[in-house]
Protein backbone atom coordinates (compact mmCIF):
# COMPACT_ATOMS: atom_id res chain seq x y z
CA MET A 1 0.06 0.01 -0.02
CA GLN A 2 1.31 3.52 -0.92
CA LEU A 3 2.50 5.57 2.03
CA THR A 4 0.38 8.50 1.03
CA ASP A 5 -2.70 6.40 1.30
CA ILE A 6 -1.75 5.12 4.89
CA ILE A 7 -1.28 8.73 6.00
CA GLY A 8 -4.39 9.93 4.49
CA ASP A 9 -5.86 12.71 6.42
CA LEU A 10 -3.37 12.41 9.29
CA THR A 11 -1.91 15.75 10.39
CA VAL A 12 1.74 15.70 9.60
CA LEU A 13 4.06 18.28 11.25
CA GLU A 14 7.10 17.51 9.18
CA PHE A 15 7.99 15.12 6.49
CA LEU A 16 11.65 14.00 5.47
CA GLY A 17 12.23 11.85 2.52
CA SER A 18 10.31 10.25 -0.29
CA LYS A 19 6.53 10.05 -0.21
CA SER A 20 6.39 7.44 -3.09
CA LEU A 21 6.95 4.36 -0.90
CA GLU A 22 5.20 1.07 -1.00
CA VAL A 23 4.55 -0.01 2.50
CA SER A 24 4.29 -3.93 3.34
CA GLY A 25 3.22 -3.50 6.93
CA LEU A 26 2.48 -1.38 9.95
CA VAL A 27 4.62 -2.05 13.09
CA PHE A 28 5.27 -0.47 16.40
CA ASP A 29 7.72 -3.07 17.83
CA SER A 30 11.09 -2.69 16.28
CA ARG A 31 11.79 -6.46 16.78
CA GLN A 32 8.93 -7.25 14.48
CA VAL A 33 10.26 -5.04 11.58
CA VAL A 34 10.79 -6.63 8.20
CA PRO A 35 11.96 -4.89 5.11
CA GLY A 36 9.36 -2.56 3.71
CA ASN A 37 7.55 -1.90 7.04
CA LEU A 38 6.46 1.49 8.40
CA PHE A 39 7.58 1.74 11.99
CA VAL A 40 5.53 3.93 14.42
CA ALA A 41 7.51 4.95 17.42
CA VAL A 42 4.89 4.98 20.24
CA ARG A 43 5.58 6.11 23.81
CA GLY A 44 4.47 3.17 25.99
CA THR A 45 4.01 2.65 29.68
CA THR A 46 7.37 0.62 30.00
CA ALA A 47 9.26 1.57 26.83
CA ASP A 48 9.60 4.48 24.39
CA GLY A 49 9.60 3.46 20.71
CA HIS A 50 11.69 6.55 19.95
CA ASN A 51 14.66 4.69 21.54
CA PHE A 52 14.33 1.95 18.78
CA ILE A 53 14.08 4.01 15.66
CA GLU A 54 17.68 3.13 14.74
CA ALA A 55 17.09 -0.58 15.26
CA ALA A 56 13.82 -0.37 13.16
CA VAL A 57 15.71 1.20 10.16
CA SER A 58 18.48 -1.46 10.57
CA ASN A 59 15.76 -4.19 10.48
CA GLY A 60 14.56 -2.72 7.11
CA ALA A 61 11.90 -0.03 7.97
CA ILE A 62 11.41 2.27 5.08
CA GLY A 63 9.35 4.93 7.02
CA ILE A 64 9.41 6.14 10.54
CA VAL A 65 6.50 7.87 12.29
CA CYS A 66 7.41 9.76 15.43
CA GLU A 67 6.83 12.66 17.68
CA ASP A 68 10.52 13.64 17.86
CA LEU A 69 12.93 13.28 14.94
CA PRO A 70 16.13 11.44 15.98
CA PRO A 71 19.36 13.43 15.90
CA VAL A 72 20.44 11.71 12.87
CA CYS A 73 17.98 10.58 10.17
CA GLN A 74 19.36 7.68 8.31
CA ASP A 75 19.38 7.45 4.59
CA GLY A 76 16.93 5.11 2.95
CA ALA A 77 14.05 5.84 5.20
CA SER A 78 11.42 8.58 5.25
CA TYR A 79 10.59 10.28 8.56
CA ILE A 80 7.10 11.60 9.46
CA ARG A 81 6.79 13.75 12.51
CA VAL A 82 3.34 13.85 14.16
CA LEU A 83 1.96 15.32 17.37
CA ASN A 84 0.92 12.00 18.95
CA SER A 85 2.23 8.67 17.57
CA GLY A 86 -0.40 6.63 19.46
CA ILE A 87 -3.30 8.46 17.75
CA ALA A 88 -1.36 8.37 14.37
CA LEU A 89 -1.01 4.49 14.67
CA GLY A 90 -4.71 4.12 15.11
CA ILE A 91 -5.66 6.40 12.22
CA MET A 92 -3.00 4.78 9.90
CA ALA A 93 -4.00 1.29 10.96
CA SER A 94 -7.53 2.14 10.04
CA HIS A 95 -6.35 3.42 6.61
CA TYR A 96 -4.02 0.41 6.04
CA PHE A 97 -6.92 -2.06 6.48
CA GLY A 98 -9.48 -0.16 4.38
CA ASN A 99 -11.26 1.55 7.30
CA PRO A 100 -13.19 -1.47 8.18
CA SER A 101 -15.10 0.08 11.23
CA GLN A 102 -16.84 2.30 8.64
CA ASN A 103 -18.27 -0.73 7.07
CA LEU A 104 -19.47 -2.24 10.36
CA ALA A 105 -22.07 -0.96 12.90
CA LEU A 106 -19.46 -0.76 15.63
CA VAL A 107 -20.64 -0.56 19.19
CA GLY A 108 -18.36 -0.13 22.11
CA VAL A 109 -19.01 -1.20 25.78
CA THR A 110 -17.06 0.55 28.62
CA GLY A 111 -17.29 0.58 32.36
CA THR A 112 -15.76 -1.23 35.28
CA ASN A 113 -18.04 -4.30 35.37
CA GLY A 114 -20.37 -5.80 32.80
CA LYS A 115 -18.41 -5.07 29.70
CA THR A 116 -17.67 -8.68 28.75
CA THR A 117 -21.19 -9.98 29.57
CA THR A 118 -23.00 -7.01 27.71
CA ALA A 119 -20.62 -7.28 24.62
CA THR A 120 -20.97 -11.12 24.53
CA LEU A 121 -24.82 -11.13 24.86
CA LEU A 122 -24.97 -8.49 22.04
CA HIS A 123 -22.96 -10.70 19.87
CA ARG A 124 -25.10 -13.76 20.69
CA LEU A 125 -28.39 -11.69 20.18
CA PHE A 126 -27.56 -10.40 16.87
CA ARG A 127 -26.41 -13.78 15.70
CA GLU A 128 -29.70 -15.26 16.74
CA LEU A 129 -31.48 -12.40 14.80
CA GLY A 130 -29.60 -13.68 11.74
CA TYR A 131 -26.76 -11.16 11.31
CA GLY A 132 -23.18 -11.68 10.51
CA CYS A 133 -21.33 -10.43 13.84
CA GLY A 134 -17.99 -9.86 15.33
CA LEU A 135 -16.98 -9.78 18.95
CA ILE A 136 -13.91 -8.41 20.60
CA SER A 137 -13.75 -9.23 24.36
CA THR A 138 -11.72 -10.26 27.26
CA ILE A 139 -12.62 -13.89 26.87
CA VAL A 140 -12.40 -14.39 23.05
CA ASN A 141 -12.59 -12.51 19.73
CA LYS A 142 -15.24 -13.83 17.37
CA ILE A 143 -16.13 -13.66 13.57
CA ASP A 144 -19.70 -15.12 13.54
CA GLU A 145 -19.09 -18.46 15.30
CA THR A 146 -15.23 -18.78 14.59
CA ASP A 147 -13.10 -18.07 17.82
CA TYR A 148 -9.85 -16.29 17.82
CA PRO A 149 -7.62 -15.98 20.97
CA SER A 150 -7.96 -12.84 23.14
CA THR A 151 -4.83 -11.51 24.73
CA HIS A 152 -6.12 -8.09 25.83
CA THR A 153 -9.54 -6.63 26.62
CA THR A 154 -9.00 -4.22 23.77
CA PRO A 155 -6.21 -5.28 21.24
CA ASP A 156 -3.73 -2.88 19.64
CA PRO A 157 -4.80 -0.81 16.81
CA VAL A 158 -3.20 -2.91 14.17
CA LYS A 159 -4.76 -6.17 15.46
CA LEU A 160 -8.05 -4.35 15.99
CA ASN A 161 -8.34 -3.16 12.45
CA GLU A 162 -6.94 -6.40 10.95
CA MET A 163 -9.72 -8.38 12.91
CA MET A 164 -12.37 -5.87 11.76
CA ALA A 165 -11.26 -6.20 8.18
CA LYS A 166 -11.67 -9.93 8.56
CA MET A 167 -15.17 -9.29 9.80
CA VAL A 168 -16.03 -7.13 6.81
CA LYS A 169 -14.69 -9.71 4.42
CA ALA A 170 -16.71 -12.44 6.24
CA GLY A 171 -19.92 -10.30 5.62
CA CYS A 172 -20.48 -9.12 9.22
CA SER A 173 -22.82 -6.21 9.63
CA TYR A 174 -22.12 -5.58 13.38
CA CYS A 175 -19.12 -5.64 15.79
CA PHE A 176 -19.43 -5.42 19.60
CA MET A 177 -16.30 -4.67 21.53
CA GLU A 178 -15.24 -4.05 24.98
CA VAL A 179 -13.38 -0.74 25.44
CA SER A 180 -11.02 -0.73 28.38
CA SER A 181 -9.79 2.48 30.01
CA HIS A 182 -6.32 1.45 29.23
CA ALA A 183 -7.16 1.27 25.45
CA ILE A 184 -8.85 4.74 25.57
CA ASP A 185 -5.87 6.31 27.45
CA GLN A 186 -3.29 4.61 25.11
CA HIS A 187 -5.33 5.56 21.94
CA ARG A 188 -5.88 2.04 20.75
CA ILE A 189 -9.38 3.04 19.46
CA ALA A 190 -8.07 6.05 17.61
CA GLY A 191 -9.31 6.04 14.00
CA LEU A 192 -12.34 3.79 14.70
CA THR A 193 -15.90 4.91 13.80
CA PHE A 194 -18.41 3.92 16.37
CA GLN A 195 -22.16 3.71 15.82
CA GLY A 196 -22.80 3.48 19.55
CA GLY A 197 -21.15 3.55 22.96
CA ILE A 198 -22.53 1.87 26.17
CA PHE A 199 -21.62 2.89 29.72
CA THR A 200 -22.19 0.13 32.31
CA ASN A 201 -20.84 1.51 35.60
CA LEU A 202 -17.83 2.94 37.23
CA THR A 203 -16.34 1.69 40.49
CA HIS A 204 -12.94 1.16 42.16
CA ASP A 205 -10.45 -0.30 39.78
CA HIS A 206 -7.17 0.18 37.80
CA LEU A 207 -5.85 2.84 40.12
CA ASP A 208 -2.45 1.23 39.65
CA TYR A 209 -2.53 2.59 36.26
CA HIS A 210 -4.62 5.77 36.35
CA LYS A 211 -3.41 6.76 39.84
CA THR A 212 -6.65 8.47 40.78
CA PHE A 213 -10.29 7.77 40.40
CA ASP A 214 -10.80 11.13 38.58
CA ALA A 215 -8.16 10.14 35.88
CA TYR A 216 -9.85 6.71 35.59
CA LEU A 217 -13.41 8.58 35.05
CA LYS A 218 -11.91 10.99 32.60
CA ALA A 219 -10.46 8.22 30.59
CA LYS A 220 -13.91 6.63 30.29
CA LYS A 221 -15.44 9.96 29.43
CA THR A 222 -12.96 10.60 26.61
CA PHE A 223 -14.51 7.60 24.73
CA PHE A 224 -17.97 9.38 24.84
CA ASP A 225 -16.50 12.88 24.00
CA ASN A 226 -15.08 11.45 20.81
CA LEU A 227 -18.18 9.55 19.70
CA PRO A 228 -19.46 11.12 16.29
CA SER A 229 -22.73 12.82 15.68
CA GLY A 230 -25.18 10.27 14.25
CA SER A 231 -24.09 7.61 16.82
CA PHE A 232 -25.71 6.93 20.24
CA ALA A 233 -24.36 7.19 23.75
CA LEU A 234 -26.24 5.02 26.19
CA ILE A 235 -25.55 5.29 29.89
CA ASN A 236 -26.65 3.43 33.05
CA LYS A 237 -28.61 6.19 34.73
CA ASP A 238 -28.50 4.45 38.05
CA ASP A 239 -24.84 4.96 38.31
CA LYS A 240 -23.86 8.39 39.54
CA ASN A 241 -21.15 8.71 36.96
CA GLY A 242 -23.38 8.07 33.99
CA ALA A 243 -24.49 11.64 33.38
CA MET A 244 -20.93 12.81 33.27
CA MET A 245 -20.21 10.59 30.31
CA LEU A 246 -22.84 12.60 28.29
CA GLN A 247 -21.69 16.05 29.12
CA ASN A 248 -19.62 16.72 25.91
CA THR A 249 -20.67 14.00 23.57
CA HIS A 250 -21.84 14.75 20.01
CA ALA A 251 -23.83 11.43 19.99
CA SER A 252 -27.58 11.14 20.66
CA LYS A 253 -28.04 10.58 24.34
CA TYR A 254 -30.03 7.79 25.94
CA SER A 255 -30.21 6.14 29.34
CA TYR A 256 -31.29 2.85 30.94
CA GLY A 257 -32.15 2.18 34.54
CA ILE A 258 -33.98 0.12 37.08
CA ARG A 259 -34.33 2.37 40.00
CA GLY A 260 -35.68 5.54 38.41
CA MET A 261 -36.87 7.21 35.18
CA ALA A 262 -34.82 6.28 32.14
CA ASP A 263 -35.37 6.06 28.28
CA PHE A 264 -35.28 2.21 28.70
CA HIS A 265 -36.60 0.74 31.98
CA CYS A 266 -36.59 -2.61 33.58
CA ARG A 267 -38.37 -3.92 36.80
CA VAL A 268 -37.09 -6.95 38.58
CA LEU A 269 -40.14 -9.04 39.28
CA GLY A 270 -38.17 -12.08 40.64
CA ASN A 271 -34.58 -12.87 41.27
CA GLN A 272 -34.18 -16.60 41.87
CA VAL A 273 -31.52 -19.36 41.74
CA HIS A 274 -32.88 -20.45 38.28
CA GLY A 275 -33.02 -17.01 36.75
CA LEU A 276 -34.51 -13.46 36.64
CA HIS A 277 -38.24 -12.48 35.99
CA LEU A 278 -38.05 -9.02 34.29
CA SER A 279 -40.30 -6.61 32.81
CA PHE A 280 -38.85 -4.50 29.87
CA ASP A 281 -40.76 -1.43 29.30
CA GLY A 282 -43.87 -3.27 30.47
CA VAL A 283 -43.23 -6.63 28.76
CA GLU A 284 -42.44 -9.59 31.16
CA VAL A 285 -39.66 -11.92 30.34
CA TRP A 286 -38.08 -14.90 32.18
CA CYS A 287 -34.22 -14.86 31.73
CA GLN A 288 -31.75 -17.58 32.58
CA LEU A 289 -29.03 -15.23 33.97
CA ILE A 290 -29.07 -14.52 37.75
CA GLY A 291 -28.74 -11.46 39.87
CA LEU A 292 -29.43 -7.68 39.88
CA PHE A 293 -26.12 -6.93 38.03
CA ASN A 294 -27.20 -9.23 35.18
CA ALA A 295 -30.60 -7.40 35.03
CA TYR A 296 -28.63 -4.31 34.19
CA ASN A 297 -26.51 -6.11 31.63
CA LEU A 298 -29.56 -7.53 30.02
CA LEU A 299 -31.25 -4.11 30.00
CA ALA A 300 -28.27 -2.56 28.34
CA VAL A 301 -28.32 -5.35 25.68
CA TYR A 302 -32.06 -4.76 25.12
CA ALA A 303 -31.72 -0.91 24.92
CA SER A 304 -28.76 -1.16 22.47
CA ALA A 305 -30.90 -3.46 20.26
CA MET A 306 -33.67 -0.95 20.24
CA LEU A 307 -31.39 1.76 19.21
CA LEU A 308 -29.96 -0.39 16.44
CA GLY A 309 -33.58 -0.66 15.07
CA GLN A 310 -34.36 -4.27 16.05
CA ASP A 311 -37.82 -5.70 16.62
CA LYS A 312 -38.76 -5.67 20.28
CA THR A 313 -40.52 -9.13 20.48
CA ARG A 314 -37.66 -10.85 18.65
CA VAL A 315 -35.16 -9.37 20.83
CA LEU A 316 -36.89 -10.27 24.15
CA THR A 317 -37.53 -13.73 22.85
CA ALA A 318 -33.94 -14.18 22.01
CA LEU A 319 -32.79 -12.70 25.47
CA SER A 320 -35.00 -15.28 27.27
CA LYS A 321 -32.73 -17.97 25.79
CA MET A 322 -29.36 -16.52 26.74
CA GLU A 323 -27.12 -18.55 28.92
CA PRO A 324 -24.41 -17.05 31.37
CA VAL A 325 -21.06 -16.06 29.80
CA ALA A 326 -18.03 -18.12 30.57
CA GLY A 327 -16.69 -17.37 33.98
CA ARG A 328 -19.56 -15.13 34.96
CA PHE A 329 -21.69 -16.72 37.74
CA ASN A 330 -21.08 -20.19 36.43
CA SER A 331 -22.41 -22.79 38.71
CA LEU A 332 -21.72 -26.50 39.55
CA ARG A 333 -24.20 -28.36 41.55
CA SER A 334 -24.02 -31.58 43.61
CA CYS A 335 -26.67 -34.21 43.93
CA ASN A 336 -27.02 -33.40 47.51
CA GLY A 337 -27.22 -29.75 47.03
CA ILE A 338 -23.80 -28.31 47.36
CA THR A 339 -23.35 -25.49 44.93
CA ALA A 340 -20.04 -24.05 43.68
CA ILE A 341 -20.15 -20.71 41.83
CA VAL A 342 -17.10 -19.55 39.67
CA ASP A 343 -17.14 -15.77 38.99
CA TYR A 344 -14.65 -13.29 37.59
CA ALA A 345 -15.41 -10.73 40.21
CA HIS A 346 -11.99 -9.04 40.83
CA THR A 347 -13.13 -5.68 41.93
CA PRO A 348 -14.90 -4.59 45.18
CA ASP A 349 -18.13 -3.66 43.60
CA ALA A 350 -18.21 -6.86 41.28
CA LEU A 351 -17.51 -8.95 44.51
CA GLN A 352 -20.18 -7.27 46.47
CA ASN A 353 -22.69 -7.70 43.51
CA VAL A 354 -22.13 -11.40 43.35
CA LEU A 355 -22.08 -12.04 47.11
CA GLU A 356 -25.29 -9.86 47.48
CA THR A 357 -27.12 -11.81 44.71
CA ILE A 358 -26.12 -15.21 46.46
CA ASN A 359 -27.36 -13.93 49.67
CA THR A 360 -30.62 -12.87 47.93
CA ILE A 361 -31.33 -16.31 46.36
CA ARG A 362 -30.21 -18.58 49.14
CA GLY A 363 -32.18 -19.87 52.02
CA HIS A 364 -31.43 -19.22 55.73
CA ASN A 365 -29.68 -22.39 56.72
CA GLU A 366 -26.86 -22.69 54.14
CA GLN A 367 -23.45 -21.29 54.77
CA LEU A 368 -21.78 -19.27 52.18
CA ILE A 369 -17.98 -19.93 51.80
CA THR A 370 -15.96 -17.53 49.77
CA VAL A 371 -12.54 -18.21 48.22
CA VAL A 372 -11.04 -14.84 47.04
CA GLY A 373 -7.65 -13.22 46.35
CA ALA A 374 -6.43 -10.27 44.53
CA GLY A 375 -4.02 -9.76 41.51
CA GLY A 376 -0.40 -8.69 41.87
CA ASN A 377 1.08 -5.58 40.38
CA ARG A 378 -2.31 -4.03 40.36
CA ASP A 379 -4.26 -1.52 42.34
CA VAL A 380 -3.33 -2.29 46.01
CA THR A 381 -5.92 -0.15 47.60
CA LYS A 382 -8.77 -2.47 46.69
CA ARG A 383 -7.20 -5.50 48.46
CA PRO A 384 -8.49 -4.75 52.02
CA VAL A 385 -11.74 -3.49 50.62
CA MET A 386 -12.41 -6.86 48.87
CA ALA A 387 -11.56 -8.75 52.10
CA SER A 388 -13.81 -6.67 54.05
CA ILE A 389 -16.72 -7.23 51.73
CA ALA A 390 -16.10 -11.04 51.55
CA CYS A 391 -16.13 -11.20 55.48
CA ARG A 392 -19.25 -9.06 55.70
CA LEU A 393 -21.21 -10.95 53.30
CA SER A 394 -19.92 -14.64 53.81
CA ASP A 395 -20.10 -17.03 56.61
CA ARG A 396 -16.62 -18.37 55.91
CA VAL A 397 -13.74 -16.74 53.93
CA ILE A 398 -10.60 -18.25 52.54
CA LEU A 399 -8.06 -15.65 51.27
CA THR A 400 -5.71 -17.12 48.66
CA SER A 401 -3.51 -16.29 45.76
CA ASP A 402 -5.02 -15.08 42.50
CA ASN A 403 -2.52 -13.94 39.80
CA PRO A 404 0.45 -12.84 41.99
CA ARG A 405 2.43 -11.86 38.86
CA PHE A 406 5.75 -10.42 40.15
CA GLU A 407 4.56 -9.91 43.73
CA GLU A 408 4.96 -12.30 46.58
CA PRO A 409 1.36 -13.87 47.21
CA GLU A 410 2.04 -13.62 51.04
CA ALA A 411 2.51 -9.79 50.66
CA ILE A 412 -0.78 -9.47 48.66
CA LEU A 413 -2.57 -11.42 51.38
CA ASP A 414 -1.03 -9.40 54.13
CA ASP A 415 -2.67 -6.33 52.40
CA MET A 416 -6.06 -8.18 52.24
CA GLN A 417 -5.83 -9.06 55.95
CA LYS A 418 -5.98 -5.34 56.85
CA GLY A 419 -9.64 -5.39 55.82
CA VAL A 420 -10.62 -8.19 58.09
CA GLY A 421 -12.06 -6.94 61.50
CA ILE A 422 -11.22 -8.21 64.94
CA GLN A 423 -14.51 -9.89 65.19
CA GLU A 424 -14.21 -11.54 61.70
CA LYS A 425 -10.87 -13.15 62.11
CA LYS A 426 -12.37 -16.35 63.48
CA LYS A 427 -14.10 -17.00 60.18
CA VAL A 428 -11.24 -16.25 57.93
CA LEU A 429 -8.35 -18.73 56.80
CA THR A 430 -5.42 -17.64 54.76
CA ILE A 431 -4.16 -20.39 52.26
CA VAL A 432 -1.60 -19.21 49.73
CA ASN A 433 -2.05 -22.21 47.40
CA ARG A 434 -5.16 -21.59 45.36
CA LEU A 435 -5.78 -25.40 44.75
CA GLU A 436 -5.55 -26.12 48.47
CA ALA A 437 -7.92 -23.10 49.17
CA ILE A 438 -10.41 -24.68 46.87
CA LYS A 439 -9.99 -28.06 48.23
CA THR A 440 -10.42 -26.77 51.81
CA ALA A 441 -13.69 -24.81 50.82
CA CYS A 442 -15.04 -28.10 49.41
CA ALA A 443 -14.13 -29.96 52.56
CA LEU A 444 -15.87 -27.44 54.87
CA ALA A 445 -19.01 -27.45 52.66
CA LYS A 446 -22.00 -29.30 53.93
CA PRO A 447 -25.14 -30.32 51.91
CA GLY A 448 -26.99 -27.13 50.90
CA ASP A 449 -23.93 -24.88 51.36
CA ILE A 450 -22.65 -22.56 48.56
CA ILE A 451 -19.17 -21.97 47.62
CA LEU A 452 -18.01 -18.84 45.71
CA VAL A 453 -14.60 -18.93 43.95
CA ALA A 454 -14.03 -15.51 42.90
CA GLY A 455 -11.42 -13.51 40.86
CA LYS A 456 -10.31 -15.54 37.94
CA GLY A 457 -13.52 -16.77 36.18
CA HIS A 458 -12.89 -17.65 32.66
CA GLU A 459 -9.11 -17.65 32.92
CA ASN A 460 -7.37 -20.95 32.79
CA TYR A 461 -3.99 -19.96 34.21
CA GLN A 462 -2.17 -18.56 37.09
CA ASP A 463 0.39 -15.73 36.32
CA ILE A 464 3.43 -16.31 38.47
CA LYS A 465 6.76 -14.58 37.96
CA GLY A 466 6.00 -13.96 34.28
CA THR A 467 4.96 -17.53 33.63
CA LYS A 468 1.28 -18.57 32.98
CA TYR A 469 0.65 -21.97 34.60
CA HIS A 470 -2.48 -23.86 33.72
CA PHE A 471 -5.05 -23.39 36.38
CA ASP A 472 -8.89 -23.44 35.82
CA ASP A 473 -11.16 -22.77 38.84
CA LYS A 474 -14.04 -24.63 37.31
CA GLU A 475 -11.84 -27.51 36.08
CA ILE A 476 -10.51 -27.89 39.58
CA LEU A 477 -13.96 -27.97 41.11
CA LYS A 478 -15.15 -30.57 38.72
CA GLU A 479 -12.19 -32.70 39.63
CA ILE A 480 -12.68 -32.35 43.27
CA PHE A 481 -16.42 -33.06 42.92
CA GLY A 482 -15.82 -36.07 40.61
CA GLN A 483 -13.73 -37.69 43.52
CA ASP A 484 -16.79 -37.72 45.70
CA ASN A 485 -19.37 -40.13 44.45
CA ARG A 486 -22.21 -37.90 46.19
CA ILE A 487 -21.43 -35.23 43.69
CA LYS A 488 -21.92 -34.99 39.91
CA PRO A 489 -20.44 -31.83 38.16
């Protein structure tokens, strides 16, 4: 592809060298450069691409996009200076792959909790309605029913646009994607054309990256600020931060809610262990998902479908068939009544939502045993908060390792212990080994009890010192249950 076509409408501050170049690929990692590539020097969180410009040229890069020109511009390469390399990468990636987001109805879902469920249910819904459809999510990326591995909640701009180009080629009409605060801040979605944006909620998370809650909020808000006119901005009106998302948007503004007045409203008529009995704008539907948080997720999906012009009856009929998303309130049940629930809840708000849901649907005689940890090299301030919530809403608590990454698990658990009150210490065990923690919970459980294993959900690994070891909470529970002839997973 010609360099001039890749640059397109990008604002260029300075251009050195030839513009008549045939570019074979767009790269932002100098180690991946092959002859004919265009290298974009992006300032990342751990490394600055500007330090690798010389290496990129040595590897065969014929063009360099950067914010600051190097002291010496080497012969044989063109240099393009821009204001922000991250934004430029997104815009150029879009051009390179034929602006695929302009040929899809692209809807982004952002918020602390509910992104994966909302995006996944939207993909399932529109597939059920007969549309070709793509999904970009934490768990998996999809083109119709074909799965592609997911490494990030929101991939880098090159992978994003490459995936969307495949969706267009496959005949997809829609794409639903999670939009993380990291992706917004790092301009991974620059150059994309969204038809709609959904805000689920905003609670305590990612302060290791954003440093302050205000910065975290502003990152989310930026997504809505940049939505084009003609698109829609749909917010959860019951979240106190929802209205702020709409302050400067050019999109058409809509809201959904359960507690008060909203453009799209839902009433919870029943919340039981087998599902939710809901009323969407006056139409009653029985859904298989459980919990108030899922009522919000389903309402967001319903509202989005209405804004995308779908038939109400067909949408609600399809929603009634939807099953839980992998790692989100997935349950295993024994023949004598022991229930184990695996959930991705890894923030204080998500953990509280899951525990409150369990307490709502359980009887008075069962004990609730919660197995929970916290990730390493992430927001440390949420650790004692999560332990406090687990203690307050559970009968027994086992604090254990999650993904310690490069931290010592014992140090993470020490932080969590700070949230355990003096009166609660007697019901708390600390078991560093996650496998042993789950085994202990199962051994403590009696017929009728409920075990919540929280924090990892769909993940099938533990991240320890840079290595991902196979570990699947649900798989472990099935194995433990299978060793007891009373229990059938």
